[in-house]
Amino acid sequence: MEFNMIEIMGYVASIMVAISLTMKDIVKLRILNFVGCTFFVIYGVMISAMPVVATNAFIACVNVYFLIKMYQEKNQTTSKQSKHSSPINFTMNHLQ
């Protein structure tokens, strides 16, 4: 069974999205789903499938929107600076 780069990209995208759906932590789910969607966008471009590109680009934007929203809500609930002082720290702390 021989795989080419296009097939590998499709499988990686599918696996990332599937793994994201098993997450209990919504931040981890959104991050992994974003990564999977990004791979699907690349895959869609490689096979010239604009519906795949458009749908997954939209879902990726939705994931980013809600990650930013969760980060902002988290910062509003803390009165002093915490270890979640940046969006990068916020997401990295959820991935640990």
PDB file of N, CA and C in Angstrom:
ATOM      1  N   MET A   1       0.848  -1.179   0.000  1.00  0.00           N
ATOM      2  CA  MET A   1       0.000   0.000   0.000  1.00  0.00           C
ATOM      3  C   MET A   1       0.888   1.236   0.000  1.00  0.00           C
ATOM      4  N   GLU A   2       0.805   2.004  -1.055  1.00  0.00           N
ATOM      5  CA  GLU A   2       1.645   3.173  -1.215  1.00  0.00           C
ATOM      6  C   GLU A   2       0.814   4.442  -1.025  1.00  0.00           C
ATOM      7  N   PHE A   3       1.330   5.346  -0.197  1.00  0.00           N
ATOM      8  CA  PHE A   3       0.636   6.606   0.070  1.00  0.00           C
ATOM      9  C   PHE A   3       1.372   7.740  -0.628  1.00  0.00           C
ATOM     10  N   ASN A   4       0.611   8.676  -1.145  1.00  0.00           N
ATOM     11  CA  ASN A   4       1.247   9.884  -1.652  1.00  0.00           C
ATOM     12  C   ASN A   4       0.986  11.024  -0.659  1.00  0.00           C
ATOM     13  N   MET A   5       1.619  12.148  -0.890  1.00  0.00           N
ATOM     14  CA  MET A   5       1.544  13.272   0.049  1.00  0.00           C
ATOM     15  C   MET A   5       0.103  13.762   0.247  1.00  0.00           C
ATOM     16  N   ILE A   6      -0.679  13.748  -0.805  1.00  0.00           N
ATOM     17  CA  ILE A   6      -2.077  14.212  -0.712  1.00  0.00           C
ATOM     18  C   ILE A   6      -2.876  13.306   0.215  1.00  0.00           C
ATOM     19  N   GLU A   7      -2.734  11.998   0.058  1.00  0.00           N
ATOM     20  CA  GLU A   7      -3.446  11.062   0.932  1.00  0.00           C
ATOM     21  C   GLU A   7      -3.007  11.205   2.379  1.00  0.00           C
ATOM     22  N   ILE A   8      -1.717  11.358   2.581  1.00  0.00           N
ATOM     23  CA  ILE A   8      -1.196  11.524   3.946  1.00  0.00           C
ATOM     24  C   ILE A   8      -1.797  12.764   4.592  1.00  0.00           C
ATOM     25  N   MET A   9      -1.870  13.871   3.848  1.00  0.00           N
ATOM     26  CA  MET A   9      -2.451  15.111   4.378  1.00  0.00           C
ATOM     27  C   MET A   9      -3.911  14.884   4.762  1.00  0.00           C
ATOM     28  N   GLY A  10      -4.656  14.177   3.941  1.00  0.00           N
ATOM     29  CA  GLY A  10      -6.065  13.880   4.242  1.00  0.00           C
ATOM     30  C   GLY A  10      -6.211  13.024   5.482  1.00  0.00           C
ATOM     31  N   TYR A  11      -5.359  12.022   5.625  1.00  0.00           N
ATOM     32  CA  TYR A  11      -5.416  11.157   6.808  1.00  0.00           C
ATOM     33  C   TYR A  11      -5.028  11.923   8.077  1.00  0.00           C
ATOM     34  N   VAL A  12      -3.985  12.740   7.984  1.00  0.00           N
ATOM     35  CA  VAL A  12      -3.561  13.530   9.152  1.00  0.00           C
ATOM     36  C   VAL A  12      -4.687  14.467   9.579  1.00  0.00           C
ATOM     37  N   ALA A  13      -5.310  15.121   8.616  1.00  0.00           N
ATOM     38  CA  ALA A  13      -6.422  16.025   8.927  1.00  0.00           C
ATOM     39  C   ALA A  13      -7.564  15.272   9.600  1.00  0.00           C
ATOM     40  N   SER A  14      -7.928  14.133   9.052  1.00  0.00           N
ATOM     41  CA  SER A  14      -9.026  13.342   9.617  1.00  0.00           C
ATOM     42  C   SER A  14      -8.713  12.874  11.029  1.00  0.00           C
ATOM     43  N   ILE A  15      -7.489  12.427  11.242  1.00  0.00           N
ATOM     44  CA  ILE A  15      -7.089  11.950  12.569  1.00  0.00           C
ATOM     45  C   ILE A  15      -7.116  13.089  13.583  1.00  0.00           C
ATOM     46  N   MET A  16      -6.623  14.265  13.195  1.00  0.00           N
ATOM     47  CA  MET A  16      -6.621  15.408  14.127  1.00  0.00           C
ATOM     48  C   MET A  16      -8.047  15.802  14.517  1.00  0.00           C
ATOM     49  N   VAL A  17      -8.936  15.867  13.553  1.00  0.00           N
ATOM     50  CA  VAL A  17     -10.328  16.224  13.860  1.00  0.00           C
ATOM     51  C   VAL A  17     -10.965  15.154  14.736  1.00  0.00           C
ATOM     52  N   ALA A  18     -10.714  13.891  14.432  1.00  0.00           N
ATOM     53  CA  ALA A  18     -11.278  12.798  15.238  1.00  0.00           C
ATOM     54  C   ALA A  18     -10.754  12.855  16.675  1.00  0.00           C
ATOM     55  N   ILE A  19      -9.453  13.064  16.839  1.00  0.00           N
ATOM     56  CA  ILE A  19      -8.879  13.165  18.188  1.00  0.00           C
ATOM     57  C   ILE A  19      -9.469  14.358  18.931  1.00  0.00           C
ATOM     58  N   SER A  20      -9.660  15.472  18.223  1.00  0.00           N
ATOM     59  CA  SER A  20     -10.200  16.666  18.893  1.00  0.00           C
ATOM     60  C   SER A  20     -11.575  16.391  19.489  1.00  0.00           C
ATOM     61  N   LEU A  21     -12.347  15.553  18.839  1.00  0.00           N
ATOM     62  CA  LEU A  21     -13.702  15.267  19.317  1.00  0.00           C
ATOM     63  C   LEU A  21     -13.730  14.371  20.550  1.00  0.00           C
ATOM     64  N   THR A  22     -12.592  13.830  20.936  1.00  0.00           N
ATOM     65  CA  THR A  22     -12.531  13.012  22.146  1.00  0.00           C
ATOM     66  C   THR A  22     -12.122  13.824  23.375  1.00  0.00           C
ATOM     67  N   MET A  23     -11.784  15.093  23.190  1.00  0.00           N
ATOM     68  CA  MET A  23     -11.298  15.929  24.291  1.00  0.00           C
ATOM     69  C   MET A  23     -12.438  16.356  25.213  1.00  0.00           C
ATOM     70  N   LYS A  24     -12.171  16.288  26.516  1.00  0.00           N
ATOM     71  CA  LYS A  24     -13.132  16.790  27.499  1.00  0.00           C
ATOM     72  C   LYS A  24     -12.947  18.279  27.721  1.00  0.00           C
ATOM     73  N   ASP A  25     -11.719  18.740  27.606  1.00  0.00           N
ATOM     74  CA  ASP A  25     -11.389  20.159  27.781  1.00  0.00           C
ATOM     75  C   ASP A  25     -11.706  20.890  26.472  1.00  0.00           C
ATOM     76  N   ILE A  26     -12.597  21.866  26.525  1.00  0.00           N
ATOM     77  CA  ILE A  26     -13.048  22.561  25.318  1.00  0.00           C
ATOM     78  C   ILE A  26     -11.908  23.323  24.646  1.00  0.00           C
ATOM     79  N   VAL A  27     -10.932  23.812  25.420  1.00  0.00           N
ATOM     80  CA  VAL A  27      -9.799  24.519  24.825  1.00  0.00           C
ATOM     81  C   VAL A  27      -8.956  23.542  24.004  1.00  0.00           C
ATOM     82  N   LYS A  28      -8.677  22.381  24.559  1.00  0.00           N
ATOM     83  CA  LYS A  28      -7.928  21.365  23.808  1.00  0.00           C
ATOM     84  C   LYS A  28      -8.693  20.954  22.561  1.00  0.00           C
ATOM     85  N   LEU A  29      -9.999  20.771  22.705  1.00  0.00           N
ATOM     86  CA  LEU A  29     -10.827  20.405  21.561  1.00  0.00           C
ATOM     87  C   LEU A  29     -10.685  21.440  20.460  1.00  0.00           C
ATOM     88  N   ARG A  30     -10.818  22.714  20.804  1.00  0.00           N
ATOM     89  CA  ARG A  30     -10.763  23.772  19.790  1.00  0.00           C
ATOM     90  C   ARG A  30      -9.381  23.892  19.156  1.00  0.00           C
ATOM     91  N   ILE A  31      -8.326  23.723  19.949  1.00  0.00           N
ATOM     92  CA  ILE A  31      -6.971  23.813  19.400  1.00  0.00           C
ATOM     93  C   ILE A  31      -6.711  22.668  18.433  1.00  0.00           C
ATOM     94  N   LEU A  32      -7.004  21.449  18.858  1.00  0.00           N
ATOM     95  CA  LEU A  32      -6.776  20.300  17.978  1.00  0.00           C
ATOM     96  C   LEU A  32      -7.675  20.348  16.744  1.00  0.00           C
ATOM     97  N   ASN A  33      -8.901  20.806  16.919  1.00  0.00           N
ATOM     98  CA  ASN A  33      -9.804  20.918  15.792  1.00  0.00           C
ATOM     99  C   ASN A  33      -9.297  21.973  14.810  1.00  0.00           C
ATOM    100  N   PHE A  34      -8.757  23.064  15.344  1.00  0.00           N
ATOM    101  CA  PHE A  34      -8.168  24.101  14.494  1.00  0.00           C
ATOM    102  C   PHE A  34      -7.020  23.523  13.663  1.00  0.00           C
ATOM    103  N   VAL A  35      -6.161  22.746  14.303  1.00  0.00           N
ATOM    104  CA  VAL A  35      -5.037  22.122  13.592  1.00  0.00           C
ATOM    105  C   VAL A  35      -5.560  21.181  12.499  1.00  0.00           C
ATOM    106  N   GLY A  36      -6.548  20.378  12.849  1.00  0.00           N
ATOM    107  CA  GLY A  36      -7.144  19.480  11.860  1.00  0.00           C
ATOM    108  C   GLY A  36      -7.763  20.236  10.693  1.00  0.00           C
ATOM    109  N   CYS A  37      -8.464  21.308  10.997  1.00  0.00           N
ATOM    110  CA  CYS A  37      -9.079  22.129   9.942  1.00  0.00           C
ATOM    111  C   CYS A  37      -8.011  22.753   9.041  1.00  0.00           C
ATOM    112  N   THR A  38      -6.910  23.168   9.646  1.00  0.00           N
ATOM    113  CA  THR A  38      -5.811  23.742   8.866  1.00  0.00           C
ATOM    114  C   THR A  38      -5.260  22.703   7.892  1.00  0.00           C
ATOM    115  N   PHE A  39      -5.077  21.468   8.380  1.00  0.00           N
ATOM    116  CA  PHE A  39      -4.630  20.398   7.489  1.00  0.00           C
ATOM    117  C   PHE A  39      -5.660  20.115   6.397  1.00  0.00           C
ATOM    118  N   PHE A  40      -6.949  20.194   6.752  1.00  0.00           N
ATOM    119  CA  PHE A  40      -7.982  19.980   5.738  1.00  0.00           C
ATOM    120  C   PHE A  40      -7.980  21.089   4.688  1.00  0.00           C
ATOM    121  N   VAL A  41      -7.699  22.321   5.097  1.00  0.00           N
ATOM    122  CA  VAL A  41      -7.606  23.416   4.134  1.00  0.00           C
ATOM    123  C   VAL A  41      -6.458  23.131   3.152  1.00  0.00           C
ATOM    124  N   ILE A  42      -5.316  22.723   3.686  1.00  0.00           N
ATOM    125  CA  ILE A  42      -4.171  22.389   2.827  1.00  0.00           C
ATOM    126  C   ILE A  42      -4.540  21.231   1.894  1.00  0.00           C
ATOM    127  N   TYR A  43      -5.169  20.211   2.447  1.00  0.00           N
ATOM    128  CA  TYR A  43      -5.606  19.057   1.665  1.00  0.00           C
ATOM    129  C   TYR A  43      -6.576  19.494   0.561  1.00  0.00           C
ATOM    130  N   GLY A  44      -7.539  20.342   0.911  1.00  0.00           N
ATOM    131  CA  GLY A  44      -8.508  20.818  -0.071  1.00  0.00           C
ATOM    132  C   GLY A  44      -7.856  21.591  -1.205  1.00  0.00           C
ATOM    133  N   VAL A  45      -6.843  22.395  -0.865  1.00  0.00           N
ATOM    134  CA  VAL A  45      -6.108  23.124  -1.901  1.00  0.00           C
ATOM    135  C   VAL A  45      -5.360  22.134  -2.800  1.00  0.00           C
ATOM    136  N   MET A  46      -4.759  21.119  -2.190  1.00  0.00           N
ATOM    137  CA  MET A  46      -3.988  20.134  -2.958  1.00  0.00           C
ATOM    138  C   MET A  46      -4.855  19.359  -3.945  1.00  0.00           C
ATOM    139  N   ILE A  47      -6.125  19.115  -3.598  1.00  0.00           N
ATOM    140  CA  ILE A  47      -7.004  18.360  -4.494  1.00  0.00           C
ATOM    141  C   ILE A  47      -7.982  19.274  -5.242  1.00  0.00           C
ATOM    142  N   SER A  48      -7.777  20.589  -5.098  1.00  0.00           N
ATOM    143  CA  SER A  48      -8.627  21.599  -5.765  1.00  0.00           C
ATOM    144  C   SER A  48     -10.102  21.425  -5.420  1.00  0.00           C
ATOM    145  N   ALA A  49     -10.378  21.222  -4.137  1.00  0.00           N
ATOM    146  CA  ALA A  49     -11.759  21.072  -3.665  1.00  0.00           C
ATOM    147  C   ALA A  49     -12.136  22.284  -2.812  1.00  0.00           C
ATOM    148  N   MET A  50     -12.665  23.296  -3.467  1.00  0.00           N
ATOM    149  CA  MET A  50     -12.982  24.534  -2.763  1.00  0.00           C
ATOM    150  C   MET A  50     -14.043  24.372  -1.667  1.00  0.00           C
ATOM    151  N   PRO A  51     -15.026  23.467  -1.792  1.00  0.00           N
ATOM    152  CA  PRO A  51     -15.953  23.278  -0.666  1.00  0.00           C
ATOM    153  C   PRO A  51     -15.227  22.799   0.603  1.00  0.00           C
ATOM    154  N   VAL A  52     -14.232  21.939   0.447  1.00  0.00           N
ATOM    155  CA  VAL A  52     -13.443  21.473   1.597  1.00  0.00           C
ATOM    156  C   VAL A  52     -12.657  22.641   2.189  1.00  0.00           C
ATOM    157  N   VAL A  53     -12.049  23.449   1.324  1.00  0.00           N
ATOM    158  CA  VAL A  53     -11.278  24.609   1.782  1.00  0.00           C
ATOM    159  C   VAL A  53     -12.182  25.589   2.520  1.00  0.00           C
ATOM    160  N   ALA A  54     -13.296  25.960   1.910  1.00  0.00           N
ATOM    161  CA  ALA A  54     -14.181  26.976   2.489  1.00  0.00           C
ATOM    162  C   ALA A  54     -14.765  26.519   3.821  1.00  0.00           C
ATOM    163  N   THR A  55     -15.255  25.299   3.869  1.00  0.00           N
ATOM    164  CA  THR A  55     -15.875  24.792   5.100  1.00  0.00           C
ATOM    165  C   THR A  55     -14.875  24.742   6.243  1.00  0.00           C
ATOM    166  N   ASN A  56     -13.695  24.203   5.980  1.00  0.00           N
ATOM    167  CA  ASN A  56     -12.712  24.052   7.048  1.00  0.00           C
ATOM    168  C   ASN A  56     -12.067  25.381   7.420  1.00  0.00           C
ATOM    169  N   ALA A  57     -11.929  26.299   6.489  1.00  0.00           N
ATOM    170  CA  ALA A  57     -11.435  27.637   6.822  1.00  0.00           C
ATOM    171  C   ALA A  57     -12.437  28.332   7.752  1.00  0.00           C
ATOM    172  N   PHE A  58     -13.722  28.182   7.447  1.00  0.00           N
ATOM    173  CA  PHE A  58     -14.753  28.765   8.308  1.00  0.00           C
ATOM    174  C   PHE A  58     -14.712  28.158   9.707  1.00  0.00           C
ATOM    175  N   ILE A  59     -14.623  26.834   9.794  1.00  0.00           N
ATOM    176  CA  ILE A  59     -14.574  26.167  11.101  1.00  0.00           C
ATOM    177  C   ILE A  59     -13.327  26.585  11.874  1.00  0.00           C
ATOM    178  N   ALA A  60     -12.200  26.738  11.178  1.00  0.00           N
ATOM    179  CA  ALA A  60     -10.973  27.193  11.838  1.00  0.00           C
ATOM    180  C   ALA A  60     -11.171  28.591  12.422  1.00  0.00           C
ATOM    181  N   CYS A  61     -11.823  29.465  11.668  1.00  0.00           N
ATOM    182  CA  CYS A  61     -12.100  30.826  12.169  1.00  0.00           C
ATOM    183  C   CYS A  61     -13.024  30.785  13.383  1.00  0.00           C
ATOM    184  N   VAL A  62     -14.014  29.919  13.363  1.00  0.00           N
ATOM    185  CA  VAL A  62     -14.910  29.763  14.511  1.00  0.00           C
ATOM    186  C   VAL A  62     -14.119  29.310  15.737  1.00  0.00           C
ATOM    187  N   ASN A  63     -13.214  28.353  15.552  1.00  0.00           N
ATOM    188  CA  ASN A  63     -12.388  27.890  16.668  1.00  0.00           C
ATOM    189  C   ASN A  63     -11.536  29.024  17.237  1.00  0.00           C
ATOM    190  N   VAL A  64     -10.910  29.810  16.372  1.00  0.00           N
ATOM    191  CA  VAL A  64     -10.082  30.934  16.833  1.00  0.00           C
ATOM    192  C   VAL A  64     -10.948  31.949  17.571  1.00  0.00           C
ATOM    193  N   TYR A  65     -12.121  32.266  17.020  1.00  0.00           N
ATOM    194  CA  TYR A  65     -13.023  33.219  17.663  1.00  0.00           C
ATOM    195  C   TYR A  65     -13.355  32.780  19.093  1.00  0.00           C
ATOM    196  N   PHE A  66     -13.740  31.522  19.260  1.00  0.00           N
ATOM    197  CA  PHE A  66     -14.126  31.058  20.593  1.00  0.00           C
ATOM    198  C   PHE A  66     -12.924  30.915  21.524  1.00  0.00           C
ATOM    199  N   LEU A  67     -11.751  30.578  20.998  1.00  0.00           N
ATOM    200  CA  LEU A  67     -10.549  30.552  21.841  1.00  0.00           C
ATOM    201  C   LEU A  67     -10.232  31.946  22.372  1.00  0.00           C
ATOM    202  N   ILE A  68     -10.333  32.950  21.505  1.00  0.00           N
ATOM    203  CA  ILE A  68     -10.097  34.338  21.937  1.00  0.00           C
ATOM    204  C   ILE A  68     -11.146  34.752  22.955  1.00  0.00           C
ATOM    205  N   LYS A  69     -12.391  34.411  22.696  1.00  0.00           N
ATOM    206  CA  LYS A  69     -13.482  34.750  23.615  1.00  0.00           C
ATOM    207  C   LYS A  69     -13.265  34.101  24.984  1.00  0.00           C
ATOM    208  N   MET A  70     -12.867  32.825  25.003  1.00  0.00           N
ATOM    209  CA  MET A  70     -12.605  32.147  26.285  1.00  0.00           C
ATOM    210  C   MET A  70     -11.425  32.785  27.009  1.00  0.00           C
ATOM    211  N   TYR A  71     -10.399  33.164  26.258  1.00  0.00           N
ATOM    212  CA  TYR A  71      -9.236  33.828  26.851  1.00  0.00           C
ATOM    213  C   TYR A  71      -9.649  35.159  27.487  1.00  0.00           C
ATOM    214  N   GLN A  72     -10.439  35.941  26.769  1.00  0.00           N
ATOM    215  CA  GLN A  72     -10.878  37.236  27.286  1.00  0.00           C
ATOM    216  C   GLN A  72     -11.759  37.079  28.528  1.00  0.00           C
ATOM    217  N   GLU A  73     -12.656  36.105  28.514  1.00  0.00           N
ATOM    218  CA  GLU A  73     -13.510  35.861  29.679  1.00  0.00           C
ATOM    219  C   GLU A  73     -12.682  35.421  30.874  1.00  0.00           C
ATOM    220  N   LYS A  74     -11.673  34.600  30.628  1.00  0.00           N
ATOM    221  CA  LYS A  74     -10.794  34.137  31.706  1.00  0.00           C
ATOM    222  C   LYS A  74     -10.055  35.326  32.323  1.00  0.00           C
ATOM    223  N   ASN A  75      -9.592  36.250  31.491  1.00  0.00           N
ATOM    224  CA  ASN A  75      -8.878  37.425  31.997  1.00  0.00           C
ATOM    225  C   ASN A  75      -9.798  38.375  32.750  1.00  0.00           C
ATOM    226  N   GLN A  76     -11.053  38.466  32.367  1.00  0.00           N
ATOM    227  CA  GLN A  76     -11.994  39.341  33.053  1.00  0.00           C
ATOM    228  C   GLN A  76     -12.325  38.819  34.439  1.00  0.00           C
ATOM    229  N   THR A  77     -12.285  37.510  34.633  1.00  0.00           N
ATOM    230  CA  THR A  77     -12.636  36.944  35.936  1.00  0.00           C
ATOM    231  C   THR A  77     -11.487  37.013  36.935  1.00  0.00           C
ATOM    232  N   THR A  78     -10.270  37.205  36.437  1.00  0.00           N
ATOM    233  CA  THR A  78      -9.133  37.329  37.356  1.00  0.00           C
ATOM    234  C   THR A  78      -8.810  38.797  37.538  1.00  0.00           C
ATOM    235  N   SER A  79      -8.715  39.224  38.762  1.00  0.00           N
ATOM    236  CA  SER A  79      -8.475  40.631  39.027  1.00  0.00           C
ATOM    237  C   SER A  79      -7.005  41.014  38.925  1.00  0.00           C
ATOM    238  N   LYS A  80      -6.118  40.060  39.136  1.00  0.00           N
ATOM    239  CA  LYS A  80      -4.700  40.350  38.996  1.00  0.00           C
ATOM    240  C   LYS A  80      -4.108  39.509  37.879  1.00  0.00           C
ATOM    241  N   GLN A  81      -2.909  39.858  37.431  1.00  0.00           N
ATOM    242  CA  GLN A  81      -2.247  39.094  36.383  1.00  0.00           C
ATOM    243  C   GLN A  81      -1.923  37.705  36.904  1.00  0.00           C
ATOM    244  N   SER A  82      -2.278  36.710  36.119  1.00  0.00           N
ATOM    245  CA  SER A  82      -1.996  35.332  36.499  1.00  0.00           C
ATOM    246  C   SER A  82      -1.083  34.708  35.466  1.00  0.00           C
ATOM    247  N   LYS A  83      -0.919  33.393  35.550  1.00  0.00           N
ATOM    248  CA  LYS A  83      -0.086  32.704  34.571  1.00  0.00           C
ATOM    249  C   LYS A  83      -0.720  32.699  33.186  1.00  0.00           C
ATOM    250  N   HIS A  84      -1.993  33.122  33.064  1.00  0.00           N
ATOM    251  CA  HIS A  84      -2.673  33.221  31.777  1.00  0.00           C
ATOM    252  C   HIS A  84      -2.559  34.648  31.241  1.00  0.00           C
ATOM    253  N   SER A  85      -1.361  35.214  31.253  1.00  0.00           N
ATOM    254  CA  SER A  85      -1.203  36.607  30.874  1.00  0.00           C
ATOM    255  C   SER A  85      -1.210  36.836  29.374  1.00  0.00           C
ATOM    256  N   SER A  86      -1.138  35.798  28.568  1.00  0.00           N
ATOM    257  CA  SER A  86      -1.201  35.953  27.120  1.00  0.00           C
ATOM    258  C   SER A  86      -1.993  34.795  26.521  1.00  0.00           C
ATOM    259  N   PRO A  87      -2.507  34.974  25.306  1.00  0.00           N
ATOM    260  CA  PRO A  87      -3.234  33.876  24.665  1.00  0.00           C
ATOM    261  C   PRO A  87      -2.365  32.632  24.491  1.00  0.00           C
ATOM    262  N   ILE A  88      -1.075  32.831  24.258  1.00  0.00           N
ATOM    263  CA  ILE A  88      -0.171  31.685  24.099  1.00  0.00           C
ATOM    264  C   ILE A  88      -0.085  30.911  25.410  1.00  0.00           C
ATOM    265  N   ASN A  89       0.119  31.621  26.534  1.00  0.00           N
ATOM    266  CA  ASN A  89       0.176  30.955  27.837  1.00  0.00           C
ATOM    267  C   ASN A  89      -1.145  30.265  28.155  1.00  0.00           C
ATOM    268  N   PHE A  90      -2.245  30.921  27.821  1.00  0.00           N
ATOM    269  CA  PHE A  90      -3.573  30.361  28.065  1.00  0.00           C
ATOM    270  C   PHE A  90      -3.720  29.016  27.364  1.00  0.00           C
ATOM    271  N   THR A  91      -3.377  28.962  26.081  1.00  0.00           N
ATOM    272  CA  THR A  91      -3.528  27.715  25.348  1.00  0.00           C
ATOM    273  C   THR A  91      -2.502  26.675  25.769  1.00  0.00           C
ATOM    274  N   MET A  92      -1.282  27.092  26.018  1.00  0.00           N
ATOM    275  CA  MET A  92      -0.249  26.138  26.416  1.00  0.00           C
ATOM    276  C   MET A  92      -0.577  25.498  27.773  1.00  0.00           C
ATOM    277  N   ASN A  93      -1.143  26.269  28.681  1.00  0.00           N
ATOM    278  CA  ASN A  93      -1.521  25.717  29.985  1.00  0.00           C
ATOM    279  C   ASN A  93      -2.615  24.671  29.847  1.00  0.00           C
ATOM    280  N   HIS A  94      -3.482  24.813  28.866  1.00  0.00           N
ATOM    281  CA  HIS A  94      -4.541  23.827  28.654  1.00  0.00           C
ATOM    282  C   HIS A  94      -4.020  22.579  27.950  1.00  0.00           C
ATOM    283  N   LEU A  95      -2.905  22.688  27.259  1.00  0.00           N
ATOM    284  CA  LEU A  95      -2.359  21.530  26.555  1.00  0.00           C
ATOM    285  C   LEU A  95      -1.510  20.654  27.445  1.00  0.00           C
ATOM    286  N   GLN A  96      -1.159  21.143  28.618  1.00  0.00           N
ATOM    287  CA  GLN A  96      -0.318  20.360  29.535  1.00  0.00           C
ATOM    288  C   GLN A  96      -1.126  19.299  30.243  1.00  0.00           C
TER     289      GLN A  96
END
